[in-house]
Every structure is written in C-alpha cells, then in structure tokens.
C-alpha cells in the first residue's frame, strides 16, 4: 500500500477527489496502452508459437538471435511490464488525512 498524506485534514475531501480523478484518468490511459501492447504481444506469440514470458526468458539468455522482430518483441514486452507496474502502483494508493 502506498499512502499519500494530505494536510491540512480539512482539505482531504477536495484533494482526494482531484487526485482520484487524475489517477482514474491515468489508469484508463494505461489500460488502453496495455490492451494495445497486449494485442501486439499476442501477434508475436501466434507467429512464433510461444508465450511472451517464454520468449523473453530465452531472449535474455542469448538463446535467440537479434532479428528485428525479436528486438521489437522484447521492447513491447518490456513496455507491457512497465505499464503493469504503473497500474499496480496507482491501484495501491490510499489517501490519508493527518
């Protein structure tokens, strides 16, 4: 859990509302990006008959060559992981007044 402390306490409702709206807007954008990136990953997975996790593990261990598709796939996979991390972070935020 990530706590955001808002002071003075009497500003909590207003600031909570403003920040909640901003977080929800960002979550919507991140989820759209996750959908698009996920679709690209599915295309690679279908083309090469392996999951992105499996691919990335092999790629990281030097078991695959550096063809352009693999470089693109690795990049999309890393973007997908970063987007997921951002979503998790935003979803953990809790507002506290003190």
N, C-alpha and C. Protein backbone atom coordinates (compact mmCIF):
# COMPACT_ATOMS: atom_id res chain seq x y z
N UNK A 1 0.84 -1.17 0.00
CA UNK A 1 0.00 0.00 0.00
C UNK A 1 0.89 1.24 0.00
N UNK A 2 0.47 2.21 -0.80
CA UNK A 2 1.16 3.49 -0.87
C UNK A 2 0.23 4.53 -0.25
N UNK A 3 0.73 5.25 0.73
CA UNK A 3 -0.10 6.26 1.38
C UNK A 3 0.32 7.65 0.95
N UNK A 4 -0.69 8.45 0.63
CA UNK A 4 -0.49 9.86 0.33
C UNK A 4 -1.12 10.63 1.48
N UNK A 5 -0.31 11.38 2.19
CA UNK A 5 -0.78 12.15 3.34
C UNK A 5 -1.17 13.54 2.87
N UNK A 6 -2.39 13.94 3.22
CA UNK A 6 -2.90 15.25 2.83
C UNK A 6 -3.09 16.09 4.08
N UNK A 7 -2.42 17.24 4.09
CA UNK A 7 -2.53 18.17 5.21
C UNK A 7 -2.83 19.55 4.67
N UNK A 8 -3.61 20.32 5.27
CA UNK A 8 -4.37 20.05 6.48
C UNK A 8 -5.55 19.11 6.19
N UNK A 9 -6.02 18.48 7.23
CA UNK A 9 -7.03 17.45 7.11
C UNK A 9 -8.33 17.96 6.48
N UNK A 10 -8.65 19.23 6.67
CA UNK A 10 -9.89 19.76 6.12
C UNK A 10 -9.87 19.83 4.59
N UNK A 11 -8.70 19.72 3.98
CA UNK A 11 -8.57 19.72 2.52
C UNK A 11 -8.68 18.31 1.93
N UNK A 12 -8.74 17.31 2.80
CA UNK A 12 -8.77 15.90 2.35
C UNK A 12 -9.86 15.63 1.31
N UNK A 13 -11.11 16.01 1.52
CA UNK A 13 -12.13 15.67 0.52
C UNK A 13 -11.85 16.25 -0.87
N UNK A 14 -11.48 17.52 -0.91
CA UNK A 14 -11.21 18.16 -2.20
C UNK A 14 -9.99 17.55 -2.87
N UNK A 15 -8.90 17.46 -2.15
CA UNK A 15 -7.67 16.92 -2.73
C UNK A 15 -7.86 15.45 -3.11
N UNK A 16 -8.55 14.71 -2.27
CA UNK A 16 -8.82 13.30 -2.58
C UNK A 16 -9.60 13.17 -3.89
N UNK A 17 -10.61 14.02 -4.05
CA UNK A 17 -11.41 13.99 -5.27
C UNK A 17 -10.56 14.33 -6.50
N UNK A 18 -9.77 15.40 -6.40
CA UNK A 18 -8.93 15.81 -7.53
C UNK A 18 -7.92 14.73 -7.90
N UNK A 19 -7.24 14.20 -6.88
CA UNK A 19 -6.22 13.18 -7.15
C UNK A 19 -6.85 11.87 -7.62
N UNK A 20 -7.99 11.50 -7.07
CA UNK A 20 -8.67 10.28 -7.50
C UNK A 20 -9.05 10.37 -8.98
N UNK A 21 -9.59 11.53 -9.38
CA UNK A 21 -9.94 11.71 -10.79
C UNK A 21 -8.71 11.61 -11.69
N UNK A 22 -7.63 12.24 -11.28
CA UNK A 22 -6.40 12.20 -12.06
C UNK A 22 -5.87 10.77 -12.16
N UNK A 23 -5.93 10.05 -11.05
CA UNK A 23 -5.45 8.66 -11.05
C UNK A 23 -6.34 7.80 -11.95
N UNK A 24 -7.65 8.00 -11.86
CA UNK A 24 -8.56 7.21 -12.70
C UNK A 24 -8.33 7.49 -14.19
N UNK A 25 -8.10 8.76 -14.53
CA UNK A 25 -7.80 9.09 -15.93
C UNK A 25 -6.51 8.42 -16.38
N UNK A 26 -5.50 8.45 -15.54
CA UNK A 26 -4.23 7.81 -15.90
C UNK A 26 -4.40 6.29 -16.01
N UNK A 27 -5.18 5.70 -15.12
CA UNK A 27 -5.43 4.26 -15.19
C UNK A 27 -6.14 3.90 -16.49
N UNK A 28 -7.07 4.72 -16.92
CA UNK A 28 -7.75 4.46 -18.20
C UNK A 28 -6.76 4.47 -19.35
N UNK A 29 -5.88 5.46 -19.35
CA UNK A 29 -4.86 5.54 -20.43
C UNK A 29 -3.92 4.34 -20.38
N UNK A 30 -3.49 4.00 -19.17
CA UNK A 30 -2.59 2.85 -19.03
C UNK A 30 -3.27 1.56 -19.47
N UNK A 31 -4.53 1.38 -19.12
CA UNK A 31 -5.25 0.17 -19.52
C UNK A 31 -5.44 0.09 -21.03
N UNK A 32 -5.68 1.22 -21.68
CA UNK A 32 -5.76 1.24 -23.14
C UNK A 32 -4.41 0.84 -23.75
N UNK A 33 -3.34 1.37 -23.18
CA UNK A 33 -2.00 1.02 -23.66
C UNK A 33 -1.71 -0.45 -23.43
N UNK A 34 -2.14 -0.97 -22.29
CA UNK A 34 -1.96 -2.40 -22.01
C UNK A 34 -2.71 -3.25 -23.04
N UNK A 35 -3.92 -2.84 -23.39
CA UNK A 35 -4.69 -3.59 -24.40
C UNK A 35 -3.96 -3.60 -25.74
N UNK A 36 -3.51 -2.42 -26.17
CA UNK A 36 -2.81 -2.34 -27.47
C UNK A 36 -1.51 -3.14 -27.45
N UNK A 37 -0.75 -2.97 -26.40
CA UNK A 37 0.52 -3.69 -26.30
C UNK A 37 0.28 -5.19 -26.17
N UNK A 38 -0.74 -5.56 -25.41
CA UNK A 38 -1.10 -6.98 -25.28
C UNK A 38 -1.47 -7.60 -26.61
N UNK A 39 -2.17 -6.84 -27.44
CA UNK A 39 -2.54 -7.34 -28.77
C UNK A 39 -1.29 -7.57 -29.63
N UNK A 40 -0.35 -6.65 -29.56
CA UNK A 40 0.90 -6.82 -30.31
C UNK A 40 1.64 -8.05 -29.82
N UNK A 41 1.69 -8.25 -28.50
CA UNK A 41 2.36 -9.43 -27.95
C UNK A 41 1.67 -10.71 -28.42
N UNK A 42 0.33 -10.72 -28.47
CA UNK A 42 -0.39 -11.91 -28.94
C UNK A 42 -0.05 -12.23 -30.40
N UNK A 43 0.13 -11.20 -31.20
CA UNK A 43 0.52 -11.42 -32.60
C UNK A 43 1.89 -12.10 -32.67
N UNK A 44 2.84 -11.63 -31.88
CA UNK A 44 4.15 -12.27 -31.85
C UNK A 44 4.03 -13.70 -31.34
N UNK A 45 3.24 -13.91 -30.29
CA UNK A 45 3.08 -15.24 -29.71
C UNK A 45 2.49 -16.22 -30.72
N UNK A 46 1.53 -15.75 -31.50
CA UNK A 46 0.94 -16.60 -32.53
C UNK A 46 1.95 -16.90 -33.63
N UNK A 47 2.65 -15.87 -34.05
CA UNK A 47 3.63 -16.04 -35.13
C UNK A 47 4.75 -17.01 -34.75
N UNK A 48 5.22 -16.96 -33.51
CA UNK A 48 6.37 -17.77 -33.10
C UNK A 48 6.00 -18.92 -32.17
N UNK A 49 4.71 -19.12 -31.91
CA UNK A 49 4.20 -20.25 -31.13
C UNK A 49 4.88 -20.39 -29.76
N UNK A 50 4.98 -19.27 -29.05
CA UNK A 50 5.46 -19.30 -27.66
C UNK A 50 4.92 -18.09 -26.93
N UNK A 51 4.86 -18.19 -25.62
CA UNK A 51 4.39 -17.04 -24.83
C UNK A 51 5.46 -15.96 -24.80
N UNK A 52 5.04 -14.76 -24.47
CA UNK A 52 5.99 -13.67 -24.36
C UNK A 52 6.95 -13.88 -23.20
N UNK A 53 6.46 -14.46 -22.10
CA UNK A 53 7.34 -14.75 -20.97
C UNK A 53 8.43 -15.74 -21.38
N UNK A 54 8.01 -16.78 -22.08
CA UNK A 54 8.96 -17.80 -22.54
C UNK A 54 9.97 -17.17 -23.52
N UNK A 55 9.46 -16.40 -24.48
CA UNK A 55 10.33 -15.72 -25.43
C UNK A 55 11.36 -14.86 -24.72
N UNK A 56 10.90 -14.02 -23.79
CA UNK A 56 11.79 -13.06 -23.17
C UNK A 56 12.87 -13.76 -22.35
N UNK A 57 12.50 -14.84 -21.70
CA UNK A 57 13.49 -15.62 -20.94
C UNK A 57 14.58 -16.16 -21.88
N UNK A 58 14.16 -16.72 -23.01
CA UNK A 58 15.13 -17.22 -23.99
C UNK A 58 15.97 -16.09 -24.58
N UNK A 59 15.31 -14.98 -24.88
CA UNK A 59 15.99 -13.83 -25.46
C UNK A 59 17.04 -13.26 -24.50
N UNK A 60 16.66 -13.13 -23.24
CA UNK A 60 17.57 -12.61 -22.22
C UNK A 60 18.79 -13.52 -22.03
N UNK A 61 18.58 -14.82 -22.19
CA UNK A 61 19.67 -15.78 -22.01
C UNK A 61 20.48 -16.02 -23.28
N UNK A 62 20.24 -15.21 -24.32
CA UNK A 62 21.02 -15.30 -25.55
C UNK A 62 20.72 -16.53 -26.39
N UNK A 63 19.57 -17.14 -26.19
CA UNK A 63 19.23 -18.36 -26.93
C UNK A 63 18.52 -18.06 -28.25
N UNK A 64 18.23 -16.78 -28.49
CA UNK A 64 17.60 -16.36 -29.74
C UNK A 64 18.46 -15.30 -30.40
N UNK A 65 18.34 -15.21 -31.72
CA UNK A 65 19.15 -14.21 -32.43
C UNK A 65 18.54 -12.81 -32.28
N UNK A 66 19.19 -11.83 -32.89
CA UNK A 66 18.77 -10.44 -32.76
C UNK A 66 18.02 -9.93 -33.98
N UNK A 67 17.21 -10.79 -34.57
CA UNK A 67 16.43 -10.31 -35.73
C UNK A 67 15.49 -9.19 -35.28
N UNK A 68 15.12 -8.35 -36.24
CA UNK A 68 14.31 -7.17 -35.93
C UNK A 68 13.04 -7.52 -35.17
N UNK A 69 12.35 -8.58 -35.56
CA UNK A 69 11.12 -8.96 -34.88
C UNK A 69 11.37 -9.27 -33.41
N UNK A 70 12.47 -9.90 -33.10
CA UNK A 70 12.76 -10.25 -31.72
C UNK A 70 13.10 -9.00 -30.90
N UNK A 71 13.79 -8.07 -31.51
CA UNK A 71 14.10 -6.82 -30.82
C UNK A 71 12.80 -6.07 -30.54
N UNK A 72 11.91 -6.03 -31.54
CA UNK A 72 10.61 -5.37 -31.35
C UNK A 72 9.80 -6.07 -30.27
N UNK A 73 9.78 -7.39 -30.31
CA UNK A 73 9.02 -8.17 -29.34
C UNK A 73 9.54 -7.91 -27.92
N UNK A 74 10.85 -7.93 -27.76
CA UNK A 74 11.45 -7.67 -26.45
C UNK A 74 11.07 -6.27 -25.96
N UNK A 75 11.11 -5.30 -26.85
CA UNK A 75 10.73 -3.94 -26.48
C UNK A 75 9.28 -3.85 -26.06
N UNK A 76 8.39 -4.46 -26.81
CA UNK A 76 6.96 -4.45 -26.46
C UNK A 76 6.73 -5.16 -25.13
N UNK A 77 7.45 -6.23 -24.90
CA UNK A 77 7.31 -6.97 -23.64
C UNK A 77 7.74 -6.10 -22.46
N UNK A 78 8.83 -5.39 -22.61
CA UNK A 78 9.30 -4.52 -21.53
C UNK A 78 8.33 -3.36 -21.30
N UNK A 79 7.76 -2.82 -22.36
CA UNK A 79 6.76 -1.77 -22.23
C UNK A 79 5.55 -2.32 -21.47
N UNK A 80 5.10 -3.53 -21.84
CA UNK A 80 3.96 -4.16 -21.18
C UNK A 80 4.21 -4.34 -19.69
N UNK A 81 5.41 -4.80 -19.34
CA UNK A 81 5.76 -4.98 -17.93
C UNK A 81 5.75 -3.64 -17.19
N UNK A 82 6.28 -2.62 -17.81
CA UNK A 82 6.31 -1.29 -17.19
C UNK A 82 4.90 -0.75 -16.99
N UNK A 83 4.04 -0.93 -17.97
CA UNK A 83 2.65 -0.48 -17.84
C UNK A 83 1.95 -1.20 -16.69
N UNK A 84 2.18 -2.50 -16.58
CA UNK A 84 1.58 -3.26 -15.49
C UNK A 84 2.07 -2.75 -14.13
N UNK A 85 3.35 -2.46 -14.03
CA UNK A 85 3.91 -1.93 -12.79
C UNK A 85 3.26 -0.59 -12.42
N UNK A 86 3.07 0.26 -13.43
CA UNK A 86 2.45 1.57 -13.18
C UNK A 86 1.01 1.41 -12.70
N UNK A 87 0.27 0.50 -13.32
CA UNK A 87 -1.11 0.26 -12.90
C UNK A 87 -1.15 -0.24 -11.46
N UNK A 88 -0.31 -1.21 -11.14
CA UNK A 88 -0.27 -1.73 -9.76
C UNK A 88 0.04 -0.63 -8.76
N UNK A 89 0.98 0.21 -9.09
CA UNK A 89 1.37 1.31 -8.21
C UNK A 89 0.20 2.25 -7.97
N UNK A 90 -0.47 2.67 -9.03
CA UNK A 90 -1.59 3.59 -8.88
C UNK A 90 -2.75 2.95 -8.11
N UNK A 91 -2.95 1.66 -8.30
CA UNK A 91 -4.05 0.98 -7.61
C UNK A 91 -3.78 0.81 -6.12
N UNK A 92 -2.54 0.93 -5.70
CA UNK A 92 -2.18 0.77 -4.28
C UNK A 92 -2.30 2.07 -3.48
N UNK A 93 -2.55 3.18 -4.15
CA UNK A 93 -2.56 4.47 -3.46
C UNK A 93 -3.77 4.59 -2.54
N UNK A 94 -3.48 5.06 -1.33
CA UNK A 94 -4.52 5.33 -0.33
C UNK A 94 -4.28 6.74 0.19
N UNK A 95 -5.34 7.50 0.32
CA UNK A 95 -5.23 8.87 0.82
C UNK A 95 -5.52 8.90 2.31
N UNK A 96 -4.68 9.64 3.04
CA UNK A 96 -4.82 9.73 4.49
C UNK A 96 -4.71 11.19 4.90
N UNK A 97 -5.61 11.60 5.79
CA UNK A 97 -5.52 12.95 6.36
C UNK A 97 -4.94 12.87 7.76
N UNK A 98 -4.08 13.79 8.08
CA UNK A 98 -3.47 13.80 9.43
C UNK A 98 -3.63 15.15 10.07
